[in-house]
């Protein structure tokens, strides 16, 4: 999200500058930054809808019009930014919709758990 706040204006500025100065190299750099910006948006969209609170099943990183919990905290004015920062740095998060604290855990695949069970017998 922060990357797009910086990349989009830089890409637009480079494109305008390249048109004014007729510099082909700046045009390619500007187009590359614009493509990178779009890829980040797509990745953010996909990741946002995949991550959900295990209790209320609401996508915590996706924009929703749902009512937030009355004690939901914000970081720099954003609930989603706080959730993403907590996931990255604390390996847990508090859902802004149900206010339930959740620890991030790595799921085992079915194949690995079957291999583990067969080795026990």
PDB file of N, CA and C in Angstrom:
ATOM      1  N   UNK A   1       0.827  -1.188   0.000  1.00  0.00           N
ATOM      2  CA  UNK A   1       0.000   0.000   0.000  1.00  0.00           C
ATOM      3  C   UNK A   1       0.875   1.257   0.000  1.00  0.00           C
ATOM      4  N   UNK A   2       1.902   1.271   0.888  1.00  0.00           N
ATOM      5  CA  UNK A   2       2.809   2.422   0.891  1.00  0.00           C
ATOM      6  C   UNK A   2       3.606   2.490  -0.399  1.00  0.00           C
ATOM      7  N   UNK A   3       3.948   1.310  -0.946  1.00  0.00           N
ATOM      8  CA  UNK A   3       4.713   1.280  -2.188  1.00  0.00           C
ATOM      9  C   UNK A   3       3.935   1.953  -3.310  1.00  0.00           C
ATOM     10  N   UNK A   4       2.647   1.716  -3.361  1.00  0.00           N
ATOM     11  CA  UNK A   4       1.840   2.341  -4.414  1.00  0.00           C
ATOM     12  C   UNK A   4       1.685   3.833  -4.204  1.00  0.00           C
ATOM     13  N   UNK A   5       1.671   4.266  -2.962  1.00  0.00           N
ATOM     14  CA  UNK A   5       1.584   5.707  -2.705  1.00  0.00           C
ATOM     15  C   UNK A   5       2.816   6.429  -3.233  1.00  0.00           C
ATOM     16  N   UNK A   6       3.935   5.726  -3.290  1.00  0.00           N
ATOM     17  CA  UNK A   6       5.166   6.322  -3.807  1.00  0.00           C
ATOM     18  C   UNK A   6       5.388   6.007  -5.286  1.00  0.00           C
ATOM     19  N   UNK A   7       5.116   4.754  -5.682  1.00  0.00           N
ATOM     20  CA  UNK A   7       5.401   4.340  -7.051  1.00  0.00           C
ATOM     21  C   UNK A   7       4.503   5.009  -8.087  1.00  0.00           C
ATOM     22  N   UNK A   8       3.224   5.132  -7.795  1.00  0.00           N
ATOM     23  CA  UNK A   8       2.295   5.697  -8.787  1.00  0.00           C
ATOM     24  C   UNK A   8       2.665   7.134  -9.149  1.00  0.00           C
ATOM     25  N   UNK A   9       2.895   8.039  -8.193  1.00  0.00           N
ATOM     26  CA  UNK A   9       3.288   9.396  -8.578  1.00  0.00           C
ATOM     27  C   UNK A   9       4.651   9.461  -9.276  1.00  0.00           C
ATOM     28  N   UNK A  10       5.594   8.615  -8.841  1.00  0.00           N
ATOM     29  CA  UNK A  10       6.911   8.599  -9.477  1.00  0.00           C
ATOM     30  C   UNK A  10       6.784   8.116 -10.925  1.00  0.00           C
ATOM     31  N   UNK A  11       5.995   7.067 -11.147  1.00  0.00           N
ATOM     32  CA  UNK A  11       5.789   6.555 -12.505  1.00  0.00           C
ATOM     33  C   UNK A  11       5.114   7.609 -13.379  1.00  0.00           C
ATOM     34  N   UNK A  12       4.109   8.266 -12.853  1.00  0.00           N
ATOM     35  CA  UNK A  12       3.426   9.312 -13.631  1.00  0.00           C
ATOM     36  C   UNK A  12       4.369  10.475 -13.927  1.00  0.00           C
ATOM     37  N   UNK A  13       5.154  10.867 -12.940  1.00  0.00           N
ATOM     38  CA  UNK A  13       6.109  11.958 -13.144  1.00  0.00           C
ATOM     39  C   UNK A  13       7.156  11.614 -14.187  1.00  0.00           C
ATOM     40  N   UNK A  14       7.661  10.372 -14.138  1.00  0.00           N
ATOM     41  CA  UNK A  14       8.644   9.942 -15.134  1.00  0.00           C
ATOM     42  C   UNK A  14       8.040   9.897 -16.534  1.00  0.00           C
ATOM     43  N   UNK A  15       6.793   9.471 -16.632  1.00  0.00           N
ATOM     44  CA  UNK A  15       6.140   9.431 -17.949  1.00  0.00           C
ATOM     45  C   UNK A  15       5.979  10.842 -18.513  1.00  0.00           C
ATOM     46  N   UNK A  16       5.554  11.789 -17.695  1.00  0.00           N
ATOM     47  CA  UNK A  16       5.411  13.171 -18.147  1.00  0.00           C
ATOM     48  C   UNK A  16       6.769  13.744 -18.539  1.00  0.00           C
ATOM     49  N   UNK A  17       7.779  13.510 -17.705  1.00  0.00           N
ATOM     50  CA  UNK A  17       9.123  13.998 -18.002  1.00  0.00           C
ATOM     51  C   UNK A  17       9.670  13.386 -19.290  1.00  0.00           C
ATOM     52  N   UNK A  18       9.404  12.105 -19.491  1.00  0.00           N
ATOM     53  CA  UNK A  18       9.906  11.454 -20.699  1.00  0.00           C
ATOM     54  C   UNK A  18       9.221  11.978 -21.954  1.00  0.00           C
ATOM     55  N   UNK A  19       7.950  12.346 -21.837  1.00  0.00           N
ATOM     56  CA  UNK A  19       7.243  12.917 -22.985  1.00  0.00           C
ATOM     57  C   UNK A  19       7.786  14.306 -23.299  1.00  0.00           C
ATOM     58  N   UNK A  20       8.024  15.093 -22.259  1.00  0.00           N
ATOM     59  CA  UNK A  20       8.524  16.463 -22.451  1.00  0.00           C
ATOM     60  C   UNK A  20       9.938  16.442 -23.027  1.00  0.00           C
ATOM     61  N   UNK A  21      10.802  15.576 -22.488  1.00  0.00           N
ATOM     62  CA  UNK A  21      12.201  15.558 -22.935  1.00  0.00           C
ATOM     63  C   UNK A  21      12.446  14.577 -24.074  1.00  0.00           C
ATOM     64  N   UNK A  22      11.427  13.821 -24.460  1.00  0.00           N
ATOM     65  CA  UNK A  22      11.527  12.804 -25.522  1.00  0.00           C
ATOM     66  C   UNK A  22      12.651  11.813 -25.242  1.00  0.00           C
ATOM     67  N   UNK A  23      12.730  11.385 -23.989  1.00  0.00           N
ATOM     68  CA  UNK A  23      13.758  10.442 -23.554  1.00  0.00           C
ATOM     69  C   UNK A  23      13.148   9.043 -23.502  1.00  0.00           C
ATOM     70  N   UNK A  24      13.605   8.175 -24.384  1.00  0.00           N
ATOM     71  CA  UNK A  24      13.051   6.820 -24.479  1.00  0.00           C
ATOM     72  C   UNK A  24      13.384   5.987 -23.227  1.00  0.00           C
ATOM     73  N   UNK A  25      14.546   6.191 -22.654  1.00  0.00           N
ATOM     74  CA  UNK A  25      14.950   5.434 -21.460  1.00  0.00           C
ATOM     75  C   UNK A  25      14.029   5.754 -20.280  1.00  0.00           C
ATOM     76  N   UNK A  26      13.706   7.026 -20.082  1.00  0.00           N
ATOM     77  CA  UNK A  26      12.785   7.399 -19.002  1.00  0.00           C
ATOM     78  C   UNK A  26      11.387   6.823 -19.249  1.00  0.00           C
ATOM     79  N   UNK A  27      10.998   6.733 -20.522  1.00  0.00           N
ATOM     80  CA  UNK A  27       9.697   6.138 -20.843  1.00  0.00           C
ATOM     81  C   UNK A  27       9.660   4.680 -20.409  1.00  0.00           C
ATOM     82  N   UNK A  28      10.717   3.949 -20.695  1.00  0.00           N
ATOM     83  CA  UNK A  28      10.774   2.532 -20.306  1.00  0.00           C
ATOM     84  C   UNK A  28      10.786   2.375 -18.790  1.00  0.00           C
ATOM     85  N   UNK A  29      11.522   3.214 -18.098  1.00  0.00           N
ATOM     86  CA  UNK A  29      11.548   3.153 -16.630  1.00  0.00           C
ATOM     87  C   UNK A  29      10.171   3.484 -16.066  1.00  0.00           C
ATOM     88  N   UNK A  30       9.520   4.511 -16.606  1.00  0.00           N
ATOM     89  CA  UNK A  30       8.175   4.883 -16.157  1.00  0.00           C
ATOM     90  C   UNK A  30       7.165   3.782 -16.404  1.00  0.00           C
ATOM     91  N   UNK A  31       7.238   3.140 -17.587  1.00  0.00           N
ATOM     92  CA  UNK A  31       6.330   2.024 -17.875  1.00  0.00           C
ATOM     93  C   UNK A  31       6.606   0.845 -16.949  1.00  0.00           C
ATOM     94  N   UNK A  32       7.874   0.579 -16.673  1.00  0.00           N
ATOM     95  CA  UNK A  32       8.218  -0.502 -15.751  1.00  0.00           C
ATOM     96  C   UNK A  32       7.675  -0.250 -14.351  1.00  0.00           C
ATOM     97  N   UNK A  33       7.784   0.980 -13.883  1.00  0.00           N
ATOM     98  CA  UNK A  33       7.233   1.327 -12.561  1.00  0.00           C
ATOM     99  C   UNK A  33       5.715   1.238 -12.547  1.00  0.00           C
ATOM    100  N   UNK A  34       5.078   1.622 -13.641  1.00  0.00           N
ATOM    101  CA  UNK A  34       3.617   1.530 -13.725  1.00  0.00           C
ATOM    102  C   UNK A  34       3.162   0.065 -13.685  1.00  0.00           C
ATOM    103  N   UNK A  35       3.879  -0.805 -14.405  1.00  0.00           N
ATOM    104  CA  UNK A  35       3.552  -2.240 -14.385  1.00  0.00           C
ATOM    105  C   UNK A  35       3.783  -2.809 -12.992  1.00  0.00           C
ATOM    106  N   UNK A  36       4.891  -2.433 -12.360  1.00  0.00           N
ATOM    107  CA  UNK A  36       5.167  -2.892 -11.003  1.00  0.00           C
ATOM    108  C   UNK A  36       4.068  -2.435 -10.040  1.00  0.00           C
ATOM    109  N   UNK A  37       3.611  -1.219 -10.198  1.00  0.00           N
ATOM    110  CA  UNK A  37       2.534  -0.678  -9.367  1.00  0.00           C
ATOM    111  C   UNK A  37       1.255  -1.506  -9.535  1.00  0.00           C
ATOM    112  N   UNK A  38       0.946  -1.866 -10.773  1.00  0.00           N
ATOM    113  CA  UNK A  38      -0.260  -2.671 -11.028  1.00  0.00           C
ATOM    114  C   UNK A  38      -0.114  -4.078 -10.454  1.00  0.00           C
ATOM    115  N   UNK A  39       1.081  -4.659 -10.536  1.00  0.00           N
ATOM    116  CA  UNK A  39       1.305  -5.987  -9.952  1.00  0.00           C
ATOM    117  C   UNK A  39       1.149  -5.959  -8.439  1.00  0.00           C
ATOM    118  N   UNK A  40       1.628  -4.901  -7.815  1.00  0.00           N
ATOM    119  CA  UNK A  40       1.470  -4.758  -6.363  1.00  0.00           C
ATOM    120  C   UNK A  40      -0.003  -4.641  -5.990  1.00  0.00           C
ATOM    121  N   UNK A  41      -0.775  -3.916  -6.781  1.00  0.00           N
ATOM    122  CA  UNK A  41      -2.211  -3.785  -6.525  1.00  0.00           C
ATOM    123  C   UNK A  41      -2.895  -5.149  -6.623  1.00  0.00           C
ATOM    124  N   UNK A  42      -2.569  -5.923  -7.641  1.00  0.00           N
ATOM    125  CA  UNK A  42      -3.179  -7.252  -7.809  1.00  0.00           C
ATOM    126  C   UNK A  42      -2.783  -8.166  -6.655  1.00  0.00           C
ATOM    127  N   UNK A  43      -1.498  -8.163  -6.284  1.00  0.00           N
ATOM    128  CA  UNK A  43      -1.043  -8.984  -5.165  1.00  0.00           C
ATOM    129  C   UNK A  43      -1.748  -8.582  -3.869  1.00  0.00           C
ATOM    130  N   UNK A  44      -1.872  -7.290  -3.640  1.00  0.00           N
ATOM    131  CA  UNK A  44      -2.538  -6.800  -2.436  1.00  0.00           C
ATOM    132  C   UNK A  44      -4.000  -7.213  -2.421  1.00  0.00           C
ATOM    133  N   UNK A  45      -4.641  -7.166  -3.568  1.00  0.00           N
ATOM    134  CA  UNK A  45      -6.050  -7.550  -3.666  1.00  0.00           C
ATOM    135  C   UNK A  45      -6.226  -9.034  -3.355  1.00  0.00           C
ATOM    136  N   UNK A  46      -5.377  -9.871  -3.947  1.00  0.00           N
ATOM    137  CA  UNK A  46      -5.479 -11.321  -3.717  1.00  0.00           C
ATOM    138  C   UNK A  46      -5.160 -11.660  -2.267  1.00  0.00           C
ATOM    139  N   UNK A  47      -4.076 -11.122  -1.750  1.00  0.00           N
ATOM    140  CA  UNK A  47      -3.690 -11.416  -0.368  1.00  0.00           C
ATOM    141  C   UNK A  47      -4.721 -10.889   0.619  1.00  0.00           C
ATOM    142  N   UNK A  48      -5.347  -9.776   0.298  1.00  0.00           N
ATOM    143  CA  UNK A  48      -6.335  -9.188   1.202  1.00  0.00           C
ATOM    144  C   UNK A  48      -7.582 -10.024   1.356  1.00  0.00           C
ATOM    145  N   UNK A  49      -8.002 -10.688   0.288  1.00  0.00           N
ATOM    146  CA  UNK A  49      -9.212 -11.484   0.363  1.00  0.00           C
ATOM    147  C   UNK A  49      -8.962 -12.902   0.844  1.00  0.00           C
ATOM    148  N   UNK A  50      -7.709 -13.336   0.879  1.00  0.00           N
ATOM    149  CA  UNK A  50      -7.389 -14.678   1.353  1.00  0.00           C
ATOM    150  C   UNK A  50      -7.260 -14.713   2.874  1.00  0.00           C
ATOM    151  N   UNK A  51      -6.729 -13.658   3.471  1.00  0.00           N
ATOM    152  CA  UNK A  51      -6.523 -13.641   4.912  1.00  0.00           C
ATOM    153  C   UNK A  51      -7.828 -13.308   5.626  1.00  0.00           C
ATOM    154  N   UNK A  52      -8.245 -14.188   6.504  1.00  0.00           N
ATOM    155  CA  UNK A  52      -9.518 -13.996   7.201  1.00  0.00           C
ATOM    156  C   UNK A  52      -9.362 -14.309   8.680  1.00  0.00           C
ATOM    157  N   UNK A  53     -10.186 -13.674   9.472  1.00  0.00           N
ATOM    158  CA  UNK A  53     -10.222 -13.945  10.909  1.00  0.00           C
ATOM    159  C   UNK A  53     -10.835 -15.335  11.110  1.00  0.00           C
ATOM    160  N   UNK A  54     -10.222 -16.197  11.924  1.00  0.00           N
ATOM    161  CA  UNK A  54     -10.781 -17.536  12.120  1.00  0.00           C
ATOM    162  C   UNK A  54     -12.109 -17.537  12.882  1.00  0.00           C
ATOM    163  N   UNK A  55     -12.395 -16.510  13.623  1.00  0.00           N
ATOM    164  CA  UNK A  55     -13.642 -16.473  14.389  1.00  0.00           C
ATOM    165  C   UNK A  55     -14.815 -15.950  13.563  1.00  0.00           C
ATOM    166  N   UNK A  56     -14.665 -14.753  13.011  1.00  0.00           N
ATOM    167  CA  UNK A  56     -15.792 -14.142  12.294  1.00  0.00           C
ATOM    168  C   UNK A  56     -15.729 -14.357  10.782  1.00  0.00           C
ATOM    169  N   UNK A  57     -14.642 -14.935  10.273  1.00  0.00           N
ATOM    170  CA  UNK A  57     -14.448 -15.247   8.862  1.00  0.00           C
ATOM    171  C   UNK A  57     -14.473 -14.026   7.946  1.00  0.00           C
ATOM    172  N   UNK A  58     -14.165 -12.856   8.477  1.00  0.00           N
ATOM    173  CA  UNK A  58     -14.106 -11.630   7.693  1.00  0.00           C
ATOM    174  C   UNK A  58     -12.668 -11.438   7.194  1.00  0.00           C
ATOM    175  N   UNK A  59     -12.535 -11.043   5.931  1.00  0.00           N
ATOM    176  CA  UNK A  59     -11.207 -10.764   5.374  1.00  0.00           C
ATOM    177  C   UNK A  59     -10.666  -9.503   6.034  1.00  0.00           C
ATOM    178  N   UNK A  60      -9.620  -9.653   6.845  1.00  0.00           N
ATOM    179  CA  UNK A  60      -9.144  -8.533   7.657  1.00  0.00           C
ATOM    180  C   UNK A  60      -8.267  -7.556   6.888  1.00  0.00           C
ATOM    181  N   UNK A  61      -7.691  -7.968   5.759  1.00  0.00           N
ATOM    182  CA  UNK A  61      -6.838  -7.072   4.987  1.00  0.00           C
ATOM    183  C   UNK A  61      -7.533  -6.526   3.745  1.00  0.00           C
ATOM    184  N   UNK A  62      -8.788  -6.861   3.560  1.00  0.00           N
ATOM    185  CA  UNK A  62      -9.551  -6.371   2.409  1.00  0.00           C
ATOM    186  C   UNK A  62     -10.449  -5.223   2.859  1.00  0.00           C
ATOM    187  N   UNK A  63     -10.695  -4.265   1.970  1.00  0.00           N
ATOM    188  CA  UNK A  63     -11.603  -3.175   2.347  1.00  0.00           C
ATOM    189  C   UNK A  63     -13.035  -3.679   2.485  1.00  0.00           C
ATOM    190  N   UNK A  64     -13.631  -3.441   3.611  1.00  0.00           N
ATOM    191  CA  UNK A  64     -15.006  -3.863   3.903  1.00  0.00           C
ATOM    192  C   UNK A  64     -15.786  -2.688   4.462  1.00  0.00           C
ATOM    193  N   UNK A  65     -17.086  -2.726   4.267  1.00  0.00           N
ATOM    194  CA  UNK A  65     -17.962  -1.712   4.845  1.00  0.00           C
ATOM    195  C   UNK A  65     -18.608  -2.201   6.137  1.00  0.00           C
ATOM    196  N   UNK A  66     -18.082  -3.297   6.684  1.00  0.00           N
ATOM    197  CA  UNK A  66     -18.629  -3.842   7.924  1.00  0.00           C
ATOM    198  C   UNK A  66     -18.320  -2.906   9.088  1.00  0.00           C
ATOM    199  N   UNK A  67     -19.117  -2.999  10.124  1.00  0.00           N
ATOM    200  CA  UNK A  67     -18.906  -2.190  11.318  1.00  0.00           C
ATOM    201  C   UNK A  67     -17.722  -2.737  12.099  1.00  0.00           C
ATOM    202  N   UNK A  68     -16.844  -1.854  12.465  1.00  0.00           N
ATOM    203  CA  UNK A  68     -15.673  -2.234  13.258  1.00  0.00           C
ATOM    204  C   UNK A  68     -16.077  -2.348  14.727  1.00  0.00           C
ATOM    205  N   UNK A  69     -15.316  -3.141  15.458  1.00  0.00           N
ATOM    206  CA  UNK A  69     -15.528  -3.257  16.904  1.00  0.00           C
ATOM    207  C   UNK A  69     -15.273  -1.902  17.550  1.00  0.00           C
ATOM    208  N   UNK A  70     -15.979  -1.608  18.630  1.00  0.00           N
ATOM    209  CA  UNK A  70     -15.861  -0.274  19.238  1.00  0.00           C
ATOM    210  C   UNK A  70     -14.475  -0.016  19.824  1.00  0.00           C
ATOM    211  N   UNK A  71     -13.727  -1.075  20.146  1.00  0.00           N
ATOM    212  CA  UNK A  71     -12.380  -0.907  20.685  1.00  0.00           C
ATOM    213  C   UNK A  71     -11.292  -1.173  19.641  1.00  0.00           C
ATOM    214  N   UNK A  72     -11.658  -1.274  18.385  1.00  0.00           N
ATOM    215  CA  UNK A  72     -10.669  -1.540  17.331  1.00  0.00           C
ATOM    216  C   UNK A  72      -9.709  -0.371  17.224  1.00  0.00           C
ATOM    217  N   UNK A  73      -8.417  -0.699  17.235  1.00  0.00           N
ATOM    218  CA  UNK A  73      -7.394   0.337  17.173  1.00  0.00           C
ATOM    219  C   UNK A  73      -6.982   0.598  15.730  1.00  0.00           C
ATOM    220  N   UNK A  74      -6.355   1.747  15.519  1.00  0.00           N
ATOM    221  CA  UNK A  74      -5.868   2.135  14.200  1.00  0.00           C
ATOM    222  C   UNK A  74      -4.380   2.463  14.292  1.00  0.00           C
ATOM    223  N   UNK A  75      -3.702   2.361  13.151  1.00  0.00           N
ATOM    224  CA  UNK A  75      -2.317   2.799  13.036  1.00  0.00           C
ATOM    225  C   UNK A  75      -2.258   3.733  11.840  1.00  0.00           C
ATOM    226  N   UNK A  76      -1.896   4.971  12.087  1.00  0.00           N
ATOM    227  CA  UNK A  76      -1.894   6.011  11.060  1.00  0.00           C
ATOM    228  C   UNK A  76      -3.252   6.127  10.368  1.00  0.00           C
ATOM    229  N   UNK A  77      -4.324   5.947  11.141  1.00  0.00           N
ATOM    230  CA  UNK A  77      -5.677   6.105  10.633  1.00  0.00           C
ATOM    231  C   UNK A  77      -6.245   4.908   9.894  1.00  0.00           C
ATOM    232  N   UNK A  78      -5.558   3.757   9.920  1.00  0.00           N
ATOM    233  CA  UNK A  78      -6.005   2.592   9.160  1.00  0.00           C
ATOM    234  C   UNK A  78      -6.031   1.340  10.028  1.00  0.00           C
ATOM    235  N   UNK A  79      -7.147   0.626   9.981  1.00  0.00           N
ATOM    236  CA  UNK A  79      -7.254  -0.650  10.681  1.00  0.00           C
ATOM    237  C   UNK A  79      -6.426  -1.721   9.965  1.00  0.00           C
ATOM    238  N   UNK A  80      -6.486  -1.735   8.628  1.00  0.00           N
ATOM    239  CA  UNK A  80      -5.767  -2.743   7.848  1.00  0.00           C
ATOM    240  C   UNK A  80      -4.254  -2.602   8.006  1.00  0.00           C
ATOM    241  N   UNK A  81      -3.776  -1.389   8.092  1.00  0.00           N
ATOM    242  CA  UNK A  81      -2.344  -1.170   8.278  1.00  0.00           C
ATOM    243  C   UNK A  81      -1.888  -1.720   9.627  1.00  0.00           C
ATOM    244  N   UNK A  82      -2.691  -1.532  10.656  1.00  0.00           N
ATOM    245  CA  UNK A  82      -2.350  -2.076  11.969  1.00  0.00           C
ATOM    246  C   UNK A  82      -2.320  -3.601  11.925  1.00  0.00           C
ATOM    247  N   UNK A  83      -3.297  -4.214  11.272  1.00  0.00           N
ATOM    248  CA  UNK A  83      -3.333  -5.678  11.166  1.00  0.00           C
ATOM    249  C   UNK A  83      -2.106  -6.190  10.429  1.00  0.00           C
ATOM    250  N   UNK A  84      -1.758  -5.570   9.320  1.00  0.00           N
ATOM    251  CA  UNK A  84      -0.594  -6.036   8.558  1.00  0.00           C
ATOM    252  C   UNK A  84       0.700  -5.838   9.341  1.00  0.00           C
ATOM    253  N   UNK A  85       0.831  -4.736  10.072  1.00  0.00           N
ATOM    254  CA  UNK A  85       2.029  -4.517  10.879  1.00  0.00           C
ATOM    255  C   UNK A  85       2.111  -5.544  12.017  1.00  0.00           C
ATOM    256  N   UNK A  86       0.983  -5.862  12.642  1.00  0.00           N
ATOM    257  CA  UNK A  86       0.984  -6.864  13.707  1.00  0.00           C
ATOM    258  C   UNK A  86       1.356  -8.239  13.161  1.00  0.00           C
ATOM    259  N   UNK A  87       0.852  -8.590  11.981  1.00  0.00           N
ATOM    260  CA  UNK A  87       1.182  -9.883  11.391  1.00  0.00           C
ATOM    261  C   UNK A  87       2.668  -9.953  11.086  1.00  0.00           C
ATOM    262  N   UNK A  88       3.217  -8.900  10.517  1.00  0.00           N
ATOM    263  CA  UNK A  88       4.629  -8.909  10.140  1.00  0.00           C
ATOM    264  C   UNK A  88       5.571  -8.928  11.338  1.00  0.00           C
ATOM    265  N   UNK A  89       5.276  -8.133  12.344  1.00  0.00           N
ATOM    266  CA  UNK A  89       6.233  -7.953  13.436  1.00  0.00           C
ATOM    267  C   UNK A  89       5.916  -8.736  14.699  1.00  0.00           C
ATOM    268  N   UNK A  90       4.667  -9.111  14.921  1.00  0.00           N
ATOM    269  CA  UNK A  90       4.319  -9.794  16.166  1.00  0.00           C
ATOM    270  C   UNK A  90       3.817 -11.212  15.939  1.00  0.00           C
ATOM    271  N   UNK A  91       3.593 -11.590  14.666  1.00  0.00           N
ATOM    272  CA  UNK A  91       3.105 -12.908  14.288  1.00  0.00           C
ATOM    273  C   UNK A  91       1.722 -13.215  14.881  1.00  0.00           C
ATOM    274  N   UNK A  92       0.968 -12.187  15.130  1.00  0.00           N
ATOM    275  CA  UNK A  92      -0.415 -12.309  15.581  1.00  0.00           C
ATOM    276  C   UNK A  92      -1.117 -11.004  15.251  1.00  0.00           C
ATOM    277  N   UNK A  93      -2.443 -11.024  15.300  1.00  0.00           N
ATOM    278  CA  UNK A  93      -3.196  -9.806  15.028  1.00  0.00           C
ATOM    279  C   UNK A  93      -4.502  -9.818  15.802  1.00  0.00           C
ATOM    280  N   UNK A  94      -5.082  -8.664  15.951  1.00  0.00           N
ATOM    281  CA  UNK A  94      -6.389  -8.520  16.579  1.00  0.00           C
ATOM    282  C   UNK A  94      -7.355  -8.073  15.501  1.00  0.00           C
ATOM    283  N   UNK A  95      -8.412  -8.851  15.289  1.00  0.00           N
ATOM    284  CA  UNK A  95      -9.396  -8.573  14.247  1.00  0.00           C
ATOM    285  C   UNK A  95     -10.107  -7.257  14.548  1.00  0.00           C
ATOM    286  N   UNK A  96     -10.159  -6.336  13.576  1.00  0.00           N
ATOM    287  CA  UNK A  96     -10.847  -5.065  13.822  1.00  0.00           C
ATOM    288  C   UNK A  96     -12.370  -5.200  13.842  1.00  0.00           C
ATOM    289  N   UNK A  97     -12.901  -6.348  13.426  1.00  0.00           N
ATOM    290  CA  UNK A  97     -14.355  -6.531  13.375  1.00  0.00           C
ATOM    291  C   UNK A  97     -14.905  -7.219  14.614  1.00  0.00           C
ATOM    292  N   UNK A  98     -14.212  -8.251  15.116  1.00  0.00           N
ATOM    293  CA  UNK A  98     -14.704  -8.956  16.304  1.00  0.00           C
ATOM    294  C   UNK A  98     -13.797  -8.756  17.515  1.00  0.00           C
ATOM    295  N   UNK A  99     -12.641  -8.106  17.333  1.00  0.00           N
ATOM    296  CA  UNK A  99     -11.680  -7.798  18.384  1.00  0.00           C
ATOM    297  C   UNK A  99     -11.064  -9.051  19.008  1.00  0.00           C
ATOM    298  N   UNK A 100     -11.049 -10.153  18.267  1.00  0.00           N
ATOM    299  CA  UNK A 100     -10.464 -11.396  18.744  1.00  0.00           C
ATOM    300  C   UNK A 100      -8.985 -11.452  18.367  1.00  0.00           C
ATOM    301  N   UNK A 101      -8.128 -11.778  19.328  1.00  0.00           N
ATOM    302  CA  UNK A 101      -6.701 -11.897  19.070  1.00  0.00           C
ATOM    303  C   UNK A 101      -6.419 -13.273  18.466  1.00  0.00           C
ATOM    304  N   UNK A 102      -5.606 -13.303  17.405  1.00  0.00           N
ATOM    305  CA  UNK A 102      -5.310 -14.542  16.697  1.00  0.00           C
ATOM    306  C   UNK A 102      -3.808 -14.657  16.484  1.00  0.00           C
ATOM    307  N   UNK A 103      -3.257 -15.819  16.820  1.00  0.00           N
ATOM    308  CA  UNK A 103      -1.843 -16.092  16.577  1.00  0.00           C
ATOM    309  C   UNK A 103      -1.711 -16.750  15.214  1.00  0.00           C
ATOM    310  N   UNK A 104      -0.740 -16.282  14.437  1.00  0.00           N
ATOM    311  CA  UNK A 104      -0.504 -16.860  13.118  1.00  0.00           C
ATOM    312  C   UNK A 104       0.234 -18.175  13.293  1.00  0.00           C
ATOM    313  N   UNK A 105      -0.285 -19.239  12.652  1.00  0.00           N
ATOM    314  CA  UNK A 105       0.335 -20.554  12.742  1.00  0.00           C
ATOM    315  C   UNK A 105       0.516 -21.117  11.348  1.00  0.00           C
ATOM    316  N   UNK A 106       1.574 -21.874  11.151  1.00  0.00           N
ATOM    317  CA  UNK A 106       1.835 -22.516   9.883  1.00  0.00           C
ATOM    318  C   UNK A 106       1.023 -23.800   9.808  1.00  0.00           C
ATOM    319  N   UNK A 107       0.258 -23.960   8.742  1.00  0.00           N
ATOM    320  CA  UNK A 107      -0.546 -25.166   8.578  1.00  0.00           C
ATOM    321  C   UNK A 107       0.307 -26.267   7.971  1.00  0.00           C
ATOM    322  N   UNK A 108       0.107 -27.481   8.456  1.00  0.00           N
ATOM    323  CA  UNK A 108       0.769 -28.628   7.859  1.00  0.00           C
ATOM    324  C   UNK A 108      -0.063 -29.102   6.686  1.00  0.00           C
ATOM    325  N   UNK A 109       0.605 -29.579   5.655  1.00  0.00           N
ATOM    326  CA  UNK A 109      -0.133 -30.107   4.518  1.00  0.00           C
ATOM    327  C   UNK A 109      -0.639 -31.502   4.858  1.00  0.00           C
ATOM    328  N   UNK A 110      -1.614 -31.958   4.130  1.00  0.00           N
ATOM    329  CA  UNK A 110      -2.189 -33.282   4.383  1.00  0.00           C
ATOM    330  C   UNK A 110      -1.147 -34.359   4.134  1.00  0.00           C
ATOM    331  N   UNK A 111      -0.338 -34.202   3.088  1.00  0.00           N
ATOM    332  CA  UNK A 111       0.671 -35.196   2.772  1.00  0.00           C
ATOM    333  C   UNK A 111       1.700 -35.310   3.889  1.00  0.00           C
ATOM    334  N   UNK A 112       2.149 -34.191   4.412  1.00  0.00           N
ATOM    335  CA  UNK A 112       3.140 -34.226   5.488  1.00  0.00           C
ATOM    336  C   UNK A 112       2.563 -34.872   6.739  1.00  0.00           C
ATOM    337  N   UNK A 113       1.288 -34.605   7.044  1.00  0.00           N
ATOM    338  CA  UNK A 113       0.699 -35.204   8.238  1.00  0.00           C
ATOM    339  C   UNK A 113       0.491 -36.702   8.034  1.00  0.00           C
ATOM    340  N   UNK A 114       0.179 -37.164   6.789  1.00  0.00           N
ATOM    341  CA  UNK A 114       0.049 -38.590   6.509  1.00  0.00           C
ATOM    342  C   UNK A 114       1.397 -39.281   6.623  1.00  0.00           C
ATOM    343  N   UNK A 115       2.456 -38.644   6.126  1.00  0.00           N
ATOM    344  CA  UNK A 115       3.798 -39.219   6.237  1.00  0.00           C
ATOM    345  C   UNK A 115       4.206 -39.343   7.701  1.00  0.00           C
ATOM    346  N   UNK A 116       3.838 -38.347   8.489  1.00  0.00           N
ATOM    347  CA  UNK A 116       4.178 -38.366   9.912  1.00  0.00           C
ATOM    348  C   UNK A 116       3.449 -39.504  10.612  1.00  0.00           C
ATOM    349  N   UNK A 117       2.159 -39.712  10.295  1.00  0.00           N
ATOM    350  CA  UNK A 117       1.381 -40.780  10.917  1.00  0.00           C
ATOM    351  C   UNK A 117       1.922 -42.160  10.524  1.00  0.00           C
ATOM    352  N   UNK A 118       2.307 -42.328   9.246  1.00  0.00           N
ATOM    353  CA  UNK A 118       2.789 -43.630   8.802  1.00  0.00           C
ATOM    354  C   UNK A 118       4.150 -43.954   9.429  1.00  0.00           C
ATOM    355  N   UNK A 119       4.931 -42.949   9.730  1.00  0.00           N
ATOM    356  CA  UNK A 119       6.241 -43.206  10.348  1.00  0.00           C
ATOM    357  C   UNK A 119       6.087 -43.573  11.822  1.00  0.00           C
ATOM    358  N   UNK A 120       4.949 -43.243  12.434  1.00  0.00           N
ATOM    359  CA  UNK A 120       4.733 -43.582  13.826  1.00  0.00           C
ATOM    360  C   UNK A 120       4.363 -45.056  14.007  1.00  0.00           C
ATOM    361  N   UNK A 121       3.807 -45.674  12.967  1.00  0.00           N
ATOM    362  CA  UNK A 121       3.362 -47.074  13.079  1.00  0.00           C
ATOM    363  C   UNK A 121       4.459 -48.030  12.818  1.00  0.00           C
TER     364      UNK A 121
END
